Amino acid sequence: MTIMNVERAPRSLILDIYGPFAAQFDGWLAVTELVKLMGMLGVDEPIARSAISRMTRRHLLTMSKRHGLRGYGLTEDAARRFADAGALITGTFEPADPAQGWVVVAFSVPEEDRPKRHLIRSRFRWLGMGNLSGGVWIGPSRMYESVRTTVIALECEDYVDIFIADYKGLGELRDVVQRSWDLQSLAQSYQDFVDRHRPVLTELRSESTDAAAFVGYAEMVHDWRQFPYLDPGLPEELLPAEWPGTSARALFNDFRQEVLPLAMRFAESIVQARP
């Protein structure tokens, strides 16, 4: 069995564990269980314990005792946000329908509020919005609620205007999409994902243990979680030919169907060892 060699923040790995795995155990893991699972992912015990302490101070984890053991679960707020993120990451992903139009967002932030300008740009980028020009951002119309919620959360209502519109320009809509999104970088990220994880799946299919499945699945889902935030699900006819996002998603689904049950069985074996 190969222990995963990672250069990832321990906090992110802890959240990966609390996603598909701890959720099956009422969202709670004993410290010893969490440390052991983190060890499988290449994180030494002192580093894992330090990360747990930091996440507790930041109100992401909360400590309690069960079965005579000290352990941690997600706080109520963290659990709610994580459930929303989990639904996005694992949900069915259908390309947007161009006939439903586009959400167009224009913002202008005064100089004295410059930090909010950068914050808005960052959040829009992580929603998967495209930057048409300057302070004008676009996305499929189904992103409207996410955009509206984000603007309200940032308390930027006075600086932002939101429209639902159809494209009536004289040029090709494909050209507008190419200008607004860095599809080349996104395509490369998808291809890197496929190149890295397809051989892992092939190896797991030929000869696997539950422990190896746990490591392989954890690594895969950690790398996948960025895509639902960066990819708005543009209509297929507006994407480059042979879009690697299609094969990347198929690979993700294969991991969920074939590898996740084995990985879950390994996590269960750790929890069932409780005294």
Protein backbone atom coordinates (compact mmCIF):
# COMPACT_ATOMS: atom_id res chain seq x y z
CA MET A 1 0.00 0.00 0.00
CA THR A 2 1.30 3.46 -0.91
CA ILE A 3 0.74 6.27 1.53
CA MET A 4 -0.22 9.44 -0.28
CA ASN A 5 2.62 11.92 -0.67
CA VAL A 6 0.95 15.31 -0.65
CA GLU A 7 1.84 18.97 -0.55
CA ARG A 8 -1.59 20.07 0.60
CA ALA A 9 -2.74 22.06 3.59
CA PRO A 10 -3.67 19.71 6.47
CA ARG A 11 -6.83 21.77 7.00
CA SER A 12 -8.01 20.94 3.48
CA LEU A 13 -7.32 17.25 3.99
CA ILE A 14 -9.28 17.27 7.25
CA LEU A 15 -12.24 18.74 5.41
CA ASP A 16 -11.86 16.07 2.73
CA ILE A 17 -12.16 13.43 5.45
CA TYR A 18 -15.20 15.07 7.03
CA GLY A 19 -16.89 15.19 3.63
CA PRO A 20 -17.58 11.69 2.34
CA PHE A 21 -16.23 9.73 5.31
CA ALA A 22 -17.08 11.28 8.71
CA ALA A 23 -20.58 12.10 7.43
CA GLN A 24 -21.32 8.37 7.61
CA PHE A 25 -20.56 8.37 11.35
CA ASP A 26 -22.82 11.20 12.46
CA GLY A 27 -20.17 13.70 11.44
CA TRP A 28 -17.91 12.86 14.40
CA LEU A 29 -14.48 11.23 14.63
CA ALA A 30 -12.31 10.48 17.64
CA VAL A 31 -8.98 12.29 17.63
CA THR A 32 -7.11 9.02 17.27
CA GLU A 33 -9.25 8.06 14.26
CA LEU A 34 -8.77 11.40 12.57
CA VAL A 35 -5.02 11.32 13.19
CA LYS A 36 -4.77 7.81 11.74
CA LEU A 37 -6.70 8.76 8.60
CA MET A 38 -4.55 11.85 8.21
CA GLY A 39 -1.48 9.66 8.56
CA MET A 40 -2.68 7.62 5.59
CA LEU A 41 -2.62 10.86 3.62
CA GLY A 42 0.97 11.61 4.53
CA VAL A 43 0.38 14.01 7.44
CA ASP A 44 2.43 13.37 10.60
CA GLU A 45 0.59 13.22 13.92
CA PRO A 46 1.95 16.51 15.40
CA ILE A 47 0.99 18.39 12.25
CA ALA A 48 -2.47 16.79 12.20
CA ARG A 49 -3.11 17.66 15.85
CA SER A 50 -1.91 21.22 15.30
CA ALA A 51 -4.28 21.60 12.34
CA ILE A 52 -7.18 20.26 14.43
CA SER A 53 -6.45 22.84 17.13
CA ARG A 54 -6.32 25.69 14.63
CA MET A 55 -9.59 24.64 13.03
CA THR A 56 -11.21 24.50 16.46
CA ARG A 57 -10.06 28.04 17.25
CA ARG A 58 -11.50 29.17 13.92
CA HIS A 59 -14.87 27.59 14.78
CA LEU A 60 -14.71 24.98 12.02
CA LEU A 61 -14.49 22.02 14.42
CA THR A 62 -16.03 21.52 17.83
CA MET A 63 -14.76 19.12 20.49
CA SER A 64 -16.95 16.65 22.41
CA LYS A 65 -16.64 13.26 24.10
CA ARG A 66 -18.35 10.12 22.89
CA HIS A 67 -17.74 6.46 23.69
CA GLY A 68 -15.28 7.64 26.32
CA LEU A 69 -13.16 9.27 23.62
CA ARG A 70 -12.37 12.88 22.81
CA GLY A 71 -13.24 13.77 19.24
CA TYR A 72 -14.40 16.45 16.85
CA GLY A 73 -17.26 17.26 14.54
CA LEU A 74 -17.95 20.19 12.27
CA THR A 75 -19.57 23.22 13.86
CA GLU A 76 -23.15 23.91 12.81
CA ASP A 77 -22.13 26.73 10.48
CA ALA A 78 -19.25 24.75 8.99
CA ALA A 79 -21.48 21.70 8.50
CA ARG A 80 -24.07 23.77 6.64
CA ARG A 81 -21.49 25.34 4.35
CA PHE A 82 -19.78 22.02 3.81
CA ALA A 83 -23.07 20.34 2.90
CA ASP A 84 -23.69 23.02 0.26
CA ALA A 85 -20.18 22.57 -1.12
CA GLY A 86 -20.52 18.79 -1.10
CA ALA A 87 -23.76 18.96 -3.06
CA LEU A 88 -22.07 21.16 -5.63
CA ILE A 89 -19.01 18.93 -5.92
CA THR A 90 -20.88 15.62 -6.25
CA GLY A 91 -24.06 16.82 -7.94
CA THR A 92 -25.21 16.11 -11.46
CA PHE A 93 -23.61 18.65 -13.76
CA GLU A 94 -25.50 19.60 -16.88
CA PRO A 95 -24.24 22.21 -19.36
CA ALA A 96 -26.15 25.48 -19.31
CA ASP A 97 -28.80 26.15 -21.91
CA PRO A 98 -27.89 29.30 -23.92
CA ALA A 99 -31.59 29.88 -24.62
CA GLN A 100 -32.02 30.75 -20.93
CA GLY A 101 -29.76 33.75 -21.30
CA TRP A 102 -26.93 35.18 -19.20
CA VAL A 103 -26.51 36.92 -15.90
CA VAL A 104 -24.55 40.15 -16.41
CA VAL A 105 -23.02 41.91 -13.43
CA ALA A 106 -21.55 45.40 -13.49
CA PHE A 107 -19.88 46.94 -10.47
CA SER A 108 -18.09 50.16 -9.64
CA VAL A 109 -16.48 50.50 -6.22
CA PRO A 110 -15.21 53.90 -4.97
CA GLU A 111 -11.52 54.25 -4.24
CA GLU A 112 -12.06 54.45 -0.50
CA ASP A 113 -13.56 50.94 -0.61
CA ARG A 114 -10.84 49.45 -2.81
CA PRO A 115 -10.49 46.24 -0.69
CA LYS A 116 -14.09 45.37 -1.57
CA ARG A 117 -13.26 45.75 -5.25
CA HIS A 118 -10.67 43.02 -5.03
CA LEU A 119 -12.96 40.88 -2.88
CA ILE A 120 -15.79 41.09 -5.40
CA ARG A 121 -13.47 40.07 -8.24
CA SER A 122 -12.13 37.15 -6.24
CA ARG A 123 -15.59 35.88 -5.31
CA PHE A 124 -16.92 36.23 -8.85
CA ARG A 125 -13.95 34.29 -10.16
CA TRP A 126 -14.64 31.48 -7.68
CA LEU A 127 -18.27 31.42 -8.76
CA GLY A 128 -17.01 30.59 -12.25
CA MET A 129 -17.99 33.97 -13.71
CA GLY A 130 -16.26 35.30 -16.79
CA ASN A 131 -14.71 38.77 -16.89
CA LEU A 132 -16.07 40.41 -20.04
CA SER A 133 -14.30 43.72 -19.44
CA GLY A 134 -13.25 45.79 -16.44
CA GLY A 135 -16.05 45.65 -13.91
CA VAL A 136 -18.41 43.62 -16.14
CA TRP A 137 -18.79 39.90 -15.42
CA ILE A 138 -21.02 37.31 -17.09
CA GLY A 139 -22.21 33.77 -16.53
CA PRO A 140 -25.07 31.44 -17.42
CA SER A 141 -28.36 32.80 -16.09
CA ARG A 142 -28.70 29.91 -13.62
CA MET A 143 -25.89 31.54 -11.61
CA TYR A 144 -28.14 34.49 -10.70
CA GLU A 145 -29.02 33.33 -7.18
CA SER A 146 -25.38 32.55 -6.35
CA VAL A 147 -24.32 35.97 -7.60
CA ARG A 148 -27.09 37.75 -5.69
CA THR A 149 -26.33 35.86 -2.47
CA THR A 150 -22.63 36.65 -2.80
CA VAL A 151 -23.21 40.37 -3.34
CA ILE A 152 -25.49 40.57 -0.31
CA ALA A 153 -23.03 38.62 1.85
CA LEU A 154 -20.27 41.06 0.88
CA GLU A 155 -22.57 44.01 1.66
CA CYS A 156 -21.88 45.45 -1.78
CA GLU A 157 -25.45 46.02 -2.97
CA ASP A 158 -24.82 49.73 -3.54
CA TYR A 159 -21.95 49.00 -5.91
CA VAL A 160 -23.39 46.21 -8.05
CA ASP A 161 -26.03 45.99 -10.77
CA ILE A 162 -27.32 42.61 -11.97
CA PHE A 163 -29.13 41.88 -15.24
CA ILE A 164 -30.50 38.83 -17.03
CA ALA A 165 -29.88 39.28 -20.75
CA ASP A 166 -29.67 37.61 -24.14
CA TYR A 167 -26.72 38.07 -26.45
CA LYS A 168 -27.70 40.18 -29.46
CA GLY A 169 -24.25 41.22 -30.61
CA LEU A 170 -23.03 41.28 -34.19
CA GLY A 171 -20.17 38.87 -33.53
CA GLU A 172 -20.09 35.23 -32.50
CA LEU A 173 -21.08 34.34 -28.94
CA ARG A 174 -18.22 31.83 -28.93
CA ASP A 175 -15.78 34.74 -29.30
CA VAL A 176 -17.33 36.51 -26.31
CA VAL A 177 -16.90 33.37 -24.24
CA GLN A 178 -13.29 33.00 -25.33
CA ARG A 179 -12.55 36.59 -24.23
CA SER A 180 -14.32 36.26 -20.89
CA TRP A 181 -13.03 32.92 -19.63
CA ASP A 182 -9.51 31.51 -19.60
CA LEU A 183 -10.65 28.23 -21.10
CA GLN A 184 -7.13 27.24 -22.07
CA SER A 185 -5.99 27.19 -18.44
CA LEU A 186 -9.16 25.40 -17.33
CA ALA A 187 -8.72 22.79 -20.06
CA GLN A 188 -5.13 22.22 -18.97
CA SER A 189 -6.22 21.76 -15.36
CA TYR A 190 -8.80 19.19 -16.45
CA GLN A 191 -6.23 17.37 -18.55
CA ASP A 192 -3.74 17.33 -15.68
CA PHE A 193 -6.45 15.82 -13.48
CA VAL A 194 -7.11 13.06 -16.00
CA ASP A 195 -3.41 12.36 -16.56
CA ARG A 196 -2.80 12.08 -12.83
CA HIS A 197 -5.79 10.05 -11.71
CA ARG A 198 -6.64 7.77 -14.63
CA PRO A 199 -3.53 5.60 -13.99
CA VAL A 200 -4.51 5.44 -10.31
CA LEU A 201 -7.95 4.12 -11.21
CA THR A 202 -6.42 1.58 -13.58
CA GLU A 203 -4.12 0.36 -10.81
CA LEU A 204 -6.95 0.18 -8.28
CA ARG A 205 -9.05 -1.82 -10.73
CA SER A 206 -6.33 -4.41 -11.24
CA GLU A 207 -5.16 -4.83 -7.66
CA SER A 208 -6.47 -2.87 -4.73
CA THR A 209 -6.88 -2.89 -0.97
CA ASP A 210 -9.40 -0.86 0.97
CA ALA A 211 -6.57 1.26 2.36
CA ALA A 212 -5.22 1.99 -1.13
CA ALA A 213 -8.74 2.90 -2.26
CA PHE A 214 -9.05 5.35 0.63
CA VAL A 215 -5.79 7.07 -0.33
CA GLY A 216 -6.63 7.12 -4.04
CA TYR A 217 -10.14 8.46 -3.53
CA ALA A 218 -9.06 11.12 -1.03
CA GLU A 219 -6.38 12.38 -3.40
CA MET A 220 -8.77 12.42 -6.33
CA VAL A 221 -11.59 14.29 -4.60
CA HIS A 222 -9.13 16.79 -3.15
CA ASP A 223 -7.94 17.67 -6.65
CA TRP A 224 -11.48 17.66 -8.08
CA ARG A 225 -13.11 20.05 -5.62
CA GLN A 226 -11.82 23.17 -7.41
CA PHE A 227 -13.60 22.48 -10.68
CA PRO A 228 -17.24 23.11 -9.74
CA TYR A 229 -16.16 26.58 -8.63
CA LEU A 230 -14.06 27.38 -11.70
CA ASP A 231 -16.24 25.80 -14.39
CA PRO A 232 -19.65 27.49 -14.87
CA GLY A 233 -20.91 24.71 -17.12
CA LEU A 234 -20.86 26.60 -20.39
CA PRO A 235 -22.94 25.21 -23.27
CA GLU A 236 -21.05 22.52 -25.15
CA GLU A 237 -21.31 24.37 -28.46
CA LEU A 238 -19.32 27.27 -26.99
CA LEU A 239 -16.44 25.14 -25.71
CA PRO A 240 -13.33 24.10 -27.63
CA ALA A 241 -13.48 20.79 -29.45
CA GLU A 242 -12.58 17.68 -27.44
CA TRP A 243 -13.16 19.51 -24.17
CA PRO A 244 -11.23 17.56 -21.46
CA GLY A 245 -13.77 18.50 -18.80
CA THR A 246 -16.04 15.78 -20.18
CA SER A 247 -13.52 12.96 -19.66
CA ALA A 248 -12.50 14.44 -16.29
CA ARG A 249 -16.06 14.30 -15.01
CA ALA A 250 -16.49 10.75 -16.31
CA LEU A 251 -13.35 9.79 -14.41
CA PHE A 252 -14.66 11.44 -11.25
CA ASN A 253 -17.91 9.48 -11.55
CA ASP A 254 -15.99 6.22 -12.07
CA PHE A 255 -14.08 6.86 -8.84
CA ARG A 256 -17.32 7.47 -6.95
CA GLN A 257 -18.92 4.31 -8.25
CA GLU A 258 -15.96 1.94 -8.03
CA VAL A 259 -13.52 3.29 -5.45
CA LEU A 260 -15.62 5.15 -2.89
CA PRO A 261 -17.31 1.98 -1.48
CA LEU A 262 -13.89 0.43 -0.80
CA ALA A 263 -12.56 3.67 0.68
CA MET A 264 -15.62 3.91 2.91
CA ARG A 265 -15.08 0.36 4.10
CA PHE A 266 -11.56 1.28 5.17
CA ALA A 267 -12.83 4.30 7.14
CA GLU A 268 -15.44 2.07 8.77
CA SER A 269 -12.71 -0.36 9.84
CA ILE A 270 -10.95 2.48 11.67
CA VAL A 271 -14.13 3.57 13.45
CA GLN A 272 -15.19 0.04 14.34
CA ALA A 273 -11.94 -0.37 16.28
CA ARG A 274 -13.33 1.92 18.98
CA PRO A 275 -13.18 0.35 22.47
